[in-house]
Amino acid sequence: IQFWNKLWPFGKDGSQIVIKKPVFEMWFHVIVSCLP
């Protein structure tokens, strides 16, 4: 809840849903950190 805007990879630009690329990249890095 506290970091929702930084964790949720989707946003809105007017009526369109946009993908936050840096957030997606962050989640890929998190997945790599979880692998070990």
PDB file of all heavy atoms in Angstrom:
ATOM      1  N   ILE A   1       0.830  -1.210   0.000  1.00  0.00           N
ATOM      2  CA  ILE A   1       0.000   0.000   0.000  1.00  0.00           C
ATOM      3  C   ILE A   1       0.867   1.263   0.000  1.00  0.00           C
ATOM      4  O   ILE A   1       0.614   2.204  -0.772  1.00  0.00           O
ATOM      5  CB  ILE A   1      -0.955   0.005   1.211  1.00  0.00           C
ATOM      6  CG1 ILE A   1      -1.978  -1.132   1.078  1.00  0.00           C
ATOM      7  CG2 ILE A   1      -1.683   1.341   1.321  1.00  0.00           C
ATOM      8  CD1 ILE A   1      -2.895  -1.277   2.273  1.00  0.00           C
ATOM      9  N   GLN A   2       1.911   1.274   0.850  1.00  0.00           N
ATOM     10  CA  GLN A   2       2.750   2.481   0.936  1.00  0.00           C
ATOM     11  C   GLN A   2       3.503   2.769  -0.357  1.00  0.00           C
ATOM     12  O   GLN A   2       3.712   3.923  -0.725  1.00  0.00           O
ATOM     13  CB  GLN A   2       3.738   2.351   2.103  1.00  0.00           C
ATOM     14  CG  GLN A   2       3.106   2.569   3.463  1.00  0.00           C
ATOM     15  CD  GLN A   2       4.140   2.926   4.525  1.00  0.00           C
ATOM     16  OE1 GLN A   2       5.113   3.622   4.256  1.00  0.00           O
ATOM     17  NE2 GLN A   2       3.914   2.457   5.740  1.00  0.00           N
ATOM     18  N   PHE A   3       3.942   1.704  -1.041  1.00  0.00           N
ATOM     19  CA  PHE A   3       4.757   1.885  -2.250  1.00  0.00           C
ATOM     20  C   PHE A   3       3.987   1.516  -3.519  1.00  0.00           C
ATOM     21  O   PHE A   3       4.595   1.188  -4.535  1.00  0.00           O
ATOM     22  CB  PHE A   3       6.032   1.039  -2.150  1.00  0.00           C
ATOM     23  CG  PHE A   3       6.983   1.487  -1.076  1.00  0.00           C
ATOM     24  CD1 PHE A   3       6.963   0.897   0.178  1.00  0.00           C
ATOM     25  CD2 PHE A   3       7.899   2.509  -1.306  1.00  0.00           C
ATOM     26  CE1 PHE A   3       7.839   1.297   1.181  1.00  0.00           C
ATOM     27  CE2 PHE A   3       8.774   2.922  -0.315  1.00  0.00           C
ATOM     28  CZ  PHE A   3       8.736   2.317   0.933  1.00  0.00           C
ATOM     29  N   TRP A   4       2.664   1.566  -3.447  1.00  0.00           N
ATOM     30  CA  TRP A   4       1.836   1.093  -4.557  1.00  0.00           C
ATOM     31  C   TRP A   4       2.219   1.741  -5.895  1.00  0.00           C
ATOM     32  O   TRP A   4       2.361   1.057  -6.908  1.00  0.00           O
ATOM     33  CB  TRP A   4       0.358   1.366  -4.263  1.00  0.00           C
ATOM     34  CG  TRP A   4      -0.556   0.951  -5.375  1.00  0.00           C
ATOM     35  CD1 TRP A   4      -1.195   1.755  -6.276  1.00  0.00           C
ATOM     36  CD2 TRP A   4      -0.928  -0.397  -5.710  1.00  0.00           C
ATOM     37  NE1 TRP A   4      -1.952   1.006  -7.146  1.00  0.00           N
ATOM     38  CE2 TRP A   4      -1.805  -0.319  -6.828  1.00  0.00           C
ATOM     39  CE3 TRP A   4      -0.613  -1.640  -5.186  1.00  0.00           C
ATOM     40  CZ2 TRP A   4      -2.360  -1.454  -7.420  1.00  0.00           C
ATOM     41  CZ3 TRP A   4      -1.176  -2.780  -5.777  1.00  0.00           C
ATOM     42  CH2 TRP A   4      -2.031  -2.683  -6.884  1.00  0.00           C
ATOM     43  N   ASN A   5       2.397   3.034  -5.907  1.00  0.00           N
ATOM     44  CA  ASN A   5       2.715   3.725  -7.163  1.00  0.00           C
ATOM     45  C   ASN A   5       4.056   3.284  -7.744  1.00  0.00           C
ATOM     46  O   ASN A   5       4.261   3.361  -8.964  1.00  0.00           O
ATOM     47  CB  ASN A   5       2.729   5.240  -6.943  1.00  0.00           C
ATOM     48  CG  ASN A   5       1.336   5.795  -6.712  1.00  0.00           C
ATOM     49  OD1 ASN A   5       0.351   5.234  -7.176  1.00  0.00           O
ATOM     50  ND2 ASN A   5       1.247   6.893  -5.966  1.00  0.00           N
ATOM     51  N   LYS A   6       4.954   2.847  -6.888  1.00  0.00           N
ATOM     52  CA  LYS A   6       6.265   2.393  -7.363  1.00  0.00           C
ATOM     53  C   LYS A   6       6.274   0.893  -7.682  1.00  0.00           C
ATOM     54  O   LYS A   6       7.201   0.410  -8.331  1.00  0.00           O
ATOM     55  CB  LYS A   6       7.337   2.685  -6.306  1.00  0.00           C
ATOM     56  CG  LYS A   6       7.566   4.171  -6.078  1.00  0.00           C
ATOM     57  CD  LYS A   6       8.689   4.403  -5.083  1.00  0.00           C
ATOM     58  CE  LYS A   6       8.974   5.880  -4.897  1.00  0.00           C
ATOM     59  NZ  LYS A   6      10.086   6.118  -3.936  1.00  0.00           N
ATOM     60  N   LEU A   7       5.250   0.170  -7.227  1.00  0.00           N
ATOM     61  CA  LEU A   7       5.198  -1.279  -7.417  1.00  0.00           C
ATOM     62  C   LEU A   7       4.257  -1.692  -8.548  1.00  0.00           C
ATOM     63  O   LEU A   7       4.512  -2.695  -9.219  1.00  0.00           O
ATOM     64  CB  LEU A   7       4.740  -1.968  -6.120  1.00  0.00           C
ATOM     65  CG  LEU A   7       5.693  -1.894  -4.925  1.00  0.00           C
ATOM     66  CD1 LEU A   7       5.024  -2.479  -3.686  1.00  0.00           C
ATOM     67  CD2 LEU A   7       6.988  -2.633  -5.215  1.00  0.00           C
ATOM     68  N   TRP A   8       3.199  -0.932  -8.759  1.00  0.00           N
ATOM     69  CA  TRP A   8       2.209  -1.290  -9.779  1.00  0.00           C
ATOM     70  C   TRP A   8       2.702  -0.842 -11.155  1.00  0.00           C
ATOM     71  O   TRP A   8       2.966   0.334 -11.376  1.00  0.00           O
ATOM     72  CB  TRP A   8       0.864  -0.635  -9.460  1.00  0.00           C
ATOM     73  CG  TRP A   8      -0.250  -1.064 -10.362  1.00  0.00           C
ATOM     74  CD1 TRP A   8      -0.970  -0.265 -11.207  1.00  0.00           C
ATOM     75  CD2 TRP A   8      -0.786  -2.377 -10.520  1.00  0.00           C
ATOM     76  NE1 TRP A   8      -1.916  -0.992 -11.880  1.00  0.00           N
ATOM     77  CE2 TRP A   8      -1.824  -2.307 -11.472  1.00  0.00           C
ATOM     78  CE3 TRP A   8      -0.490  -3.612  -9.942  1.00  0.00           C
ATOM     79  CZ2 TRP A   8      -2.565  -3.426 -11.872  1.00  0.00           C
ATOM     80  CZ3 TRP A   8      -1.227  -4.728 -10.326  1.00  0.00           C
ATOM     81  CH2 TRP A   8      -2.248  -4.625 -11.272  1.00  0.00           C
ATOM     82  N   PRO A   9       2.870  -1.789 -12.094  1.00  0.00           N
ATOM     83  CA  PRO A   9       3.515  -1.464 -13.381  1.00  0.00           C
ATOM     84  C   PRO A   9       2.601  -0.847 -14.431  1.00  0.00           C
ATOM     85  O   PRO A   9       3.015  -0.695 -15.576  1.00  0.00           O
ATOM     86  CB  PRO A   9       4.016  -2.839 -13.849  1.00  0.00           C
ATOM     87  CG  PRO A   9       3.037  -3.801 -13.264  1.00  0.00           C
ATOM     88  CD  PRO A   9       2.608  -3.218 -11.958  1.00  0.00           C
ATOM     89  N   PHE A  10       1.378  -0.518 -14.053  1.00  0.00           N
ATOM     90  CA  PHE A  10       0.452   0.080 -15.019  1.00  0.00           C
ATOM     91  C   PHE A  10      -0.004   1.455 -14.520  1.00  0.00           C
ATOM     92  O   PHE A  10      -0.152   1.679 -13.325  1.00  0.00           O
ATOM     93  CB  PHE A  10      -0.767  -0.815 -15.233  1.00  0.00           C
ATOM     94  CG  PHE A  10      -0.421  -2.198 -15.720  1.00  0.00           C
ATOM     95  CD1 PHE A  10      -0.432  -3.269 -14.838  1.00  0.00           C
ATOM     96  CD2 PHE A  10      -0.082  -2.425 -17.041  1.00  0.00           C
ATOM     97  CE1 PHE A  10      -0.107  -4.537 -15.266  1.00  0.00           C
ATOM     98  CE2 PHE A  10       0.255  -3.693 -17.484  1.00  0.00           C
ATOM     99  CZ  PHE A  10       0.239  -4.761 -16.596  1.00  0.00           C
ATOM    100  N   GLY A  11      -0.233   2.340 -15.457  1.00  0.00           N
ATOM    101  CA  GLY A  11      -0.717   3.666 -15.119  1.00  0.00           C
ATOM    102  C   GLY A  11      -1.729   4.125 -16.153  1.00  0.00           C
ATOM    103  O   GLY A  11      -2.132   3.353 -17.036  1.00  0.00           O
ATOM    104  N   LYS A  12      -2.156   5.369 -16.044  1.00  0.00           N
ATOM    105  CA  LYS A  12      -3.144   5.901 -16.974  1.00  0.00           C
ATOM    106  C   LYS A  12      -2.647   7.204 -17.586  1.00  0.00           C
ATOM    107  O   LYS A  12      -2.079   8.045 -16.910  1.00  0.00           O
ATOM    108  CB  LYS A  12      -4.476   6.140 -16.256  1.00  0.00           C
ATOM    109  CG  LYS A  12      -5.394   4.930 -16.242  1.00  0.00           C
ATOM    110  CD  LYS A  12      -6.793   5.321 -15.782  1.00  0.00           C
ATOM    111  CE  LYS A  12      -7.751   4.149 -15.949  1.00  0.00           C
ATOM    112  NZ  LYS A  12      -9.147   4.523 -15.588  1.00  0.00           N
ATOM    113  N   ASP A  13      -2.848   7.317 -18.870  1.00  0.00           N
ATOM    114  CA  ASP A  13      -2.572   8.556 -19.578  1.00  0.00           C
ATOM    115  C   ASP A  13      -3.881   8.975 -20.238  1.00  0.00           C
ATOM    116  O   ASP A  13      -4.210   8.525 -21.335  1.00  0.00           O
ATOM    117  CB  ASP A  13      -1.475   8.336 -20.617  1.00  0.00           C
ATOM    118  CG  ASP A  13      -1.083   9.622 -21.320  1.00  0.00           C
ATOM    119  OD1 ASP A  13      -1.582  10.690 -20.903  1.00  0.00           O
ATOM    120  OD2 ASP A  13      -0.299   9.559 -22.285  1.00  0.00           O
ATOM    121  N   GLY A  14      -4.637   9.799 -19.503  1.00  0.00           N
ATOM    122  CA  GLY A  14      -5.988  10.109 -19.957  1.00  0.00           C
ATOM    123  C   GLY A  14      -6.884   8.894 -19.771  1.00  0.00           C
ATOM    124  O   GLY A  14      -7.048   8.382 -18.675  1.00  0.00           O
ATOM    125  N   SER A  15      -7.415   8.395 -20.875  1.00  0.00           N
ATOM    126  CA  SER A  15      -8.275   7.210 -20.819  1.00  0.00           C
ATOM    127  C   SER A  15      -7.514   5.936 -21.175  1.00  0.00           C
ATOM    128  O   SER A  15      -8.066   4.845 -21.130  1.00  0.00           O
ATOM    129  CB  SER A  15      -9.463   7.378 -21.771  1.00  0.00           C
ATOM    130  OG  SER A  15      -8.997   7.557 -23.111  1.00  0.00           O
ATOM    131  N   GLN A  16      -6.231   6.088 -21.524  1.00  0.00           N
ATOM    132  CA  GLN A  16      -5.439   4.934 -21.947  1.00  0.00           C
ATOM    133  C   GLN A  16      -4.607   4.375 -20.800  1.00  0.00           C
ATOM    134  O   GLN A  16      -4.092   5.116 -19.958  1.00  0.00           O
ATOM    135  CB  GLN A  16      -4.505   5.322 -23.098  1.00  0.00           C
ATOM    136  CG  GLN A  16      -5.220   5.583 -24.416  1.00  0.00           C
ATOM    137  CD  GLN A  16      -4.218   5.800 -25.538  1.00  0.00           C
ATOM    138  OE1 GLN A  16      -3.142   6.348 -25.318  1.00  0.00           O
ATOM    139  NE2 GLN A  16      -4.566   5.361 -26.749  1.00  0.00           N
ATOM    140  N   ILE A  17      -4.491   3.045 -20.790  1.00  0.00           N
ATOM    141  CA  ILE A  17      -3.640   2.366 -19.810  1.00  0.00           C
ATOM    142  C   ILE A  17      -2.232   2.280 -20.384  1.00  0.00           C
ATOM    143  O   ILE A  17      -2.039   1.855 -21.533  1.00  0.00           O
ATOM    144  CB  ILE A  17      -4.172   0.952 -19.499  1.00  0.00           C
ATOM    145  CG1 ILE A  17      -5.522   1.039 -18.803  1.00  0.00           C
ATOM    146  CG2 ILE A  17      -3.185   0.194 -18.608  1.00  0.00           C
ATOM    147  CD1 ILE A  17      -6.174  -0.295 -18.535  1.00  0.00           C
ATOM    148  N   VAL A  18      -1.257   2.735 -19.637  1.00  0.00           N
ATOM    149  CA  VAL A  18       0.133   2.711 -20.097  1.00  0.00           C
ATOM    150  C   VAL A  18       0.963   1.802 -19.196  1.00  0.00           C
ATOM    151  O   VAL A  18       0.626   1.571 -18.038  1.00  0.00           O
ATOM    152  CB  VAL A  18       0.748   4.134 -20.089  1.00  0.00           C
ATOM    153  CG1 VAL A  18       0.027   5.017 -21.082  1.00  0.00           C
ATOM    154  CG2 VAL A  18       0.693   4.739 -18.693  1.00  0.00           C
ATOM    155  N   ILE A  19       2.024   1.271 -19.772  1.00  0.00           N
ATOM    156  CA  ILE A  19       2.938   0.389 -19.028  1.00  0.00           C
ATOM    157  C   ILE A  19       4.121   1.207 -18.534  1.00  0.00           C
ATOM    158  O   ILE A  19       4.747   1.942 -19.313  1.00  0.00           O
ATOM    159  CB  ILE A  19       3.435  -0.761 -19.920  1.00  0.00           C
ATOM    160  CG1 ILE A  19       2.262  -1.663 -20.315  1.00  0.00           C
ATOM    161  CG2 ILE A  19       4.508  -1.579 -19.204  1.00  0.00           C
ATOM    162  CD1 ILE A  19       2.641  -2.741 -21.309  1.00  0.00           C
ATOM    163  N   LYS A  20       4.410   1.087 -17.254  1.00  0.00           N
ATOM    164  CA  LYS A  20       5.564   1.774 -16.684  1.00  0.00           C
ATOM    165  C   LYS A  20       6.787   0.863 -16.846  1.00  0.00           C
ATOM    166  O   LYS A  20       7.000  -0.053 -16.059  1.00  0.00           O
ATOM    167  CB  LYS A  20       5.343   2.072 -15.203  1.00  0.00           C
ATOM    168  CG  LYS A  20       4.118   2.922 -14.894  1.00  0.00           C
ATOM    169  CD  LYS A  20       3.946   3.064 -13.390  1.00  0.00           C
ATOM    170  CE  LYS A  20       2.675   3.765 -13.013  1.00  0.00           C
ATOM    171  NZ  LYS A  20       2.486   3.786 -11.533  1.00  0.00           N
ATOM    172  N   LYS A  21       7.572   1.122 -17.881  1.00  0.00           N
ATOM    173  CA  LYS A  21       8.698   0.265 -18.200  1.00  0.00           C
ATOM    174  C   LYS A  21       9.699   0.120 -17.056  1.00  0.00           C
ATOM    175  O   LYS A  21      10.140  -1.002 -16.757  1.00  0.00           O
ATOM    176  CB  LYS A  21       9.415   0.783 -19.450  1.00  0.00           C
ATOM    177  CG  LYS A  21      10.513  -0.154 -19.942  1.00  0.00           C
ATOM    178  CD  LYS A  21      11.157   0.399 -21.203  1.00  0.00           C
ATOM    179  CE  LYS A  21      12.310  -0.509 -21.637  1.00  0.00           C
ATOM    180  NZ  LYS A  21      12.988   0.038 -22.854  1.00  0.00           N
ATOM    181  N   PRO A  22      10.079   1.211 -16.359  1.00  0.00           N
ATOM    182  CA  PRO A  22      11.033   1.075 -15.247  1.00  0.00           C
ATOM    183  C   PRO A  22      10.520   0.158 -14.132  1.00  0.00           C
ATOM    184  O   PRO A  22      11.313  -0.551 -13.501  1.00  0.00           O
ATOM    185  CB  PRO A  22      11.200   2.513 -14.742  1.00  0.00           C
ATOM    186  CG  PRO A  22      10.857   3.373 -15.903  1.00  0.00           C
ATOM    187  CD  PRO A  22       9.761   2.643 -16.616  1.00  0.00           C
ATOM    188  N   VAL A  23       9.201   0.169 -13.903  1.00  0.00           N
ATOM    189  CA  VAL A  23       8.644  -0.689 -12.858  1.00  0.00           C
ATOM    190  C   VAL A  23       8.721  -2.147 -13.286  1.00  0.00           C
ATOM    191  O   VAL A  23       9.054  -3.025 -12.474  1.00  0.00           O
ATOM    192  CB  VAL A  23       7.179  -0.296 -12.543  1.00  0.00           C
ATOM    193  CG1 VAL A  23       6.593  -1.216 -11.480  1.00  0.00           C
ATOM    194  CG2 VAL A  23       7.109   1.157 -12.071  1.00  0.00           C
ATOM    195  N   PHE A  24       8.434  -2.431 -14.554  1.00  0.00           N
ATOM    196  CA  PHE A  24       8.565  -3.798 -15.065  1.00  0.00           C
ATOM    197  C   PHE A  24      10.005  -4.279 -14.944  1.00  0.00           C
ATOM    198  O   PHE A  24      10.264  -5.415 -14.537  1.00  0.00           O
ATOM    199  CB  PHE A  24       8.103  -3.872 -16.526  1.00  0.00           C
ATOM    200  CG  PHE A  24       6.713  -4.400 -16.693  1.00  0.00           C
ATOM    201  CD1 PHE A  24       5.685  -3.554 -17.065  1.00  0.00           C
ATOM    202  CD2 PHE A  24       6.415  -5.735 -16.449  1.00  0.00           C
ATOM    203  CE1 PHE A  24       4.390  -4.024 -17.203  1.00  0.00           C
ATOM    204  CE2 PHE A  24       5.125  -6.226 -16.589  1.00  0.00           C
ATOM    205  CZ  PHE A  24       4.115  -5.366 -16.973  1.00  0.00           C
ATOM    206  N   GLU A  25      10.947  -3.415 -15.300  1.00  0.00           N
ATOM    207  CA  GLU A  25      12.363  -3.777 -15.192  1.00  0.00           C
ATOM    208  C   GLU A  25      12.740  -4.053 -13.746  1.00  0.00           C
ATOM    209  O   GLU A  25      13.499  -4.984 -13.460  1.00  0.00           O
ATOM    210  CB  GLU A  25      13.228  -2.653 -15.768  1.00  0.00           C
ATOM    211  CG  GLU A  25      13.119  -2.513 -17.272  1.00  0.00           C
ATOM    212  CD  GLU A  25      13.927  -1.334 -17.797  1.00  0.00           C
ATOM    213  OE1 GLU A  25      14.354  -0.490 -16.972  1.00  0.00           O
ATOM    214  OE2 GLU A  25      14.138  -1.261 -19.021  1.00  0.00           O
ATOM    215  N   MET A  26      12.202  -3.247 -12.834  1.00  0.00           N
ATOM    216  CA  MET A  26      12.478  -3.463 -11.418  1.00  0.00           C
ATOM    217  C   MET A  26      11.993  -4.839 -10.973  1.00  0.00           C
ATOM    218  O   MET A  26      12.678  -5.553 -10.247  1.00  0.00           O
ATOM    219  CB  MET A  26      11.808  -2.358 -10.591  1.00  0.00           C
ATOM    220  CG  MET A  26      12.050  -2.438  -9.078  1.00  0.00           C
ATOM    221  SD  MET A  26      10.853  -3.470  -8.195  1.00  0.00           S
ATOM    222  CE  MET A  26       9.365  -2.515  -8.395  1.00  0.00           C
ATOM    223  N   TRP A  27      10.795  -5.236 -11.428  1.00  0.00           N
ATOM    224  CA  TRP A  27      10.257  -6.539 -11.048  1.00  0.00           C
ATOM    225  C   TRP A  27      11.088  -7.687 -11.632  1.00  0.00           C
ATOM    226  O   TRP A  27      11.259  -8.725 -10.990  1.00  0.00           O
ATOM    227  CB  TRP A  27       8.799  -6.660 -11.495  1.00  0.00           C
ATOM    228  CG  TRP A  27       7.846  -6.026 -10.531  1.00  0.00           C
ATOM    229  CD1 TRP A  27       7.031  -4.959 -10.749  1.00  0.00           C
ATOM    230  CD2 TRP A  27       7.632  -6.404  -9.168  1.00  0.00           C
ATOM    231  NE1 TRP A  27       6.316  -4.647  -9.618  1.00  0.00           N
ATOM    232  CE2 TRP A  27       6.660  -5.524  -8.635  1.00  0.00           C
ATOM    233  CE3 TRP A  27       8.160  -7.404  -8.350  1.00  0.00           C
ATOM    234  CZ2 TRP A  27       6.217  -5.613  -7.312  1.00  0.00           C
ATOM    235  CZ3 TRP A  27       7.718  -7.497  -7.034  1.00  0.00           C
ATOM    236  CH2 TRP A  27       6.756  -6.608  -6.526  1.00  0.00           C
ATOM    237  N   PHE A  28      11.634  -7.502 -12.828  1.00  0.00           N
ATOM    238  CA  PHE A  28      12.528  -8.517 -13.382  1.00  0.00           C
ATOM    239  C   PHE A  28      13.786  -8.660 -12.532  1.00  0.00           C
ATOM    240  O   PHE A  28      14.295  -9.761 -12.309  1.00  0.00           O
ATOM    241  CB  PHE A  28      12.900  -8.169 -14.837  1.00  0.00           C
ATOM    242  CG  PHE A  28      11.794  -8.412 -15.825  1.00  0.00           C
ATOM    243  CD1 PHE A  28      11.468  -7.450 -16.768  1.00  0.00           C
ATOM    244  CD2 PHE A  28      11.075  -9.597 -15.804  1.00  0.00           C
ATOM    245  CE1 PHE A  28      10.441  -7.654 -17.675  1.00  0.00           C
ATOM    246  CE2 PHE A  28      10.047  -9.819 -16.710  1.00  0.00           C
ATOM    247  CZ  PHE A  28       9.725  -8.846 -17.658  1.00  0.00           C
ATOM    248  N   HIS A  29      14.291  -7.536 -12.037  1.00  0.00           N
ATOM    249  CA  HIS A  29      15.461  -7.568 -11.146  1.00  0.00           C
ATOM    250  C   HIS A  29      15.114  -8.268  -9.832  1.00  0.00           C
ATOM    251  O   HIS A  29      15.922  -9.045  -9.300  1.00  0.00           O
ATOM    252  CB  HIS A  29      15.948  -6.135 -10.871  1.00  0.00           C
ATOM    253  CG  HIS A  29      16.506  -5.453 -12.068  1.00  0.00           C
ATOM    254  ND1 HIS A  29      16.419  -4.093 -12.258  1.00  0.00           N
ATOM    255  CD2 HIS A  29      17.138  -5.936 -13.165  1.00  0.00           C
ATOM    256  CE1 HIS A  29      16.999  -3.772 -13.409  1.00  0.00           C
ATOM    257  NE2 HIS A  29      17.435  -4.876 -13.976  1.00  0.00           N
ATOM    258  N   VAL A  30      13.918  -8.003  -9.320  1.00  0.00           N
ATOM    259  CA  VAL A  30      13.467  -8.659  -8.090  1.00  0.00           C
ATOM    260  C   VAL A  30      13.392 -10.171  -8.294  1.00  0.00           C
ATOM    261  O   VAL A  30      13.804 -10.948  -7.416  1.00  0.00           O
ATOM    262  CB  VAL A  30      12.094  -8.103  -7.643  1.00  0.00           C
ATOM    263  CG1 VAL A  30      11.452  -9.002  -6.582  1.00  0.00           C
ATOM    264  CG2 VAL A  30      12.251  -6.683  -7.103  1.00  0.00           C
ATOM    265  N   ILE A  31      12.887 -10.598  -9.441  1.00  0.00           N
ATOM    266  CA  ILE A  31      12.805 -12.035  -9.743  1.00  0.00           C
ATOM    267  C   ILE A  31      14.192 -12.656  -9.739  1.00  0.00           C
ATOM    268  O   ILE A  31      14.406 -13.744  -9.193  1.00  0.00           O
ATOM    269  CB  ILE A  31      12.111 -12.261 -11.104  1.00  0.00           C
ATOM    270  CG1 ILE A  31      10.627 -11.896 -10.997  1.00  0.00           C
ATOM    271  CG2 ILE A  31      12.271 -13.714 -11.562  1.00  0.00           C
ATOM    272  CD1 ILE A  31       9.894 -11.865 -12.326  1.00  0.00           C
ATOM    273  N   VAL A  32      15.159 -11.956 -10.343  1.00  0.00           N
ATOM    274  CA  VAL A  32      16.543 -12.452 -10.358  1.00  0.00           C
ATOM    275  C   VAL A  32      17.077 -12.576  -8.930  1.00  0.00           C
ATOM    276  O   VAL A  32      17.747 -13.551  -8.586  1.00  0.00           O
ATOM    277  CB  VAL A  32      17.445 -11.525 -11.193  1.00  0.00           C
ATOM    278  CG1 VAL A  32      18.923 -11.873 -10.995  1.00  0.00           C
ATOM    279  CG2 VAL A  32      17.080 -11.630 -12.673  1.00  0.00           C
ATOM    280  N   SER A  33      16.757 -11.605  -8.082  1.00  0.00           N
ATOM    281  CA  SER A  33      17.196 -11.655  -6.685  1.00  0.00           C
ATOM    282  C   SER A  33      16.571 -12.818  -5.933  1.00  0.00           C
ATOM    283  O   SER A  33      17.141 -13.320  -4.957  1.00  0.00           O
ATOM    284  CB  SER A  33      16.832 -10.335  -5.969  1.00  0.00           C
ATOM    285  OG  SER A  33      17.576  -9.253  -6.464  1.00  0.00           O
ATOM    286  N   CYS A  34      15.397 -13.243  -6.361  1.00  0.00           N
ATOM    287  CA  CYS A  34      14.704 -14.350  -5.697  1.00  0.00           C
ATOM    288  C   CYS A  34      15.210 -15.727  -6.135  1.00  0.00           C
ATOM    289  O   CYS A  34      14.975 -16.727  -5.439  1.00  0.00           O
ATOM    290  CB  CYS A  34      13.203 -14.276  -5.969  1.00  0.00           C
ATOM    291  SG  CYS A  34      12.372 -12.898  -5.141  1.00  0.00           S
ATOM    292  N   LEU A  35      15.879 -15.791  -7.286  1.00  0.00           N
ATOM    293  CA  LEU A  35      16.285 -17.081  -7.849  1.00  0.00           C
ATOM    294  C   LEU A  35      17.148 -17.931  -6.912  1.00  0.00           C
ATOM    295  O   LEU A  35      16.905 -19.132  -6.773  1.00  0.00           O
ATOM    296  CB  LEU A  35      17.005 -16.870  -9.188  1.00  0.00           C
ATOM    297  CG  LEU A  35      16.112 -16.436 -10.363  1.00  0.00           C
ATOM    298  CD1 LEU A  35      16.957 -16.221 -11.614  1.00  0.00           C
ATOM    299  CD2 LEU A  35      15.037 -17.482 -10.627  1.00  0.00           C
ATOM    300  N   PRO A  36      18.178 -17.364  -6.256  1.00  0.00           N
ATOM    301  CA  PRO A  36      18.981 -18.206  -5.356  1.00  0.00           C
ATOM    302  C   PRO A  36      18.143 -18.872  -4.263  1.00  0.00           C
ATOM    303  O   PRO A  36      18.335 -20.071  -3.961  1.00  0.00           O
ATOM    304  CB  PRO A  36      19.996 -17.220  -4.765  1.00  0.00           C
ATOM    305  CG  PRO A  36      20.142 -16.160  -5.799  1.00  0.00           C
ATOM    306  CD  PRO A  36      18.762 -16.003  -6.370  1.00  0.00           C
TER     307      PRO A  36
END
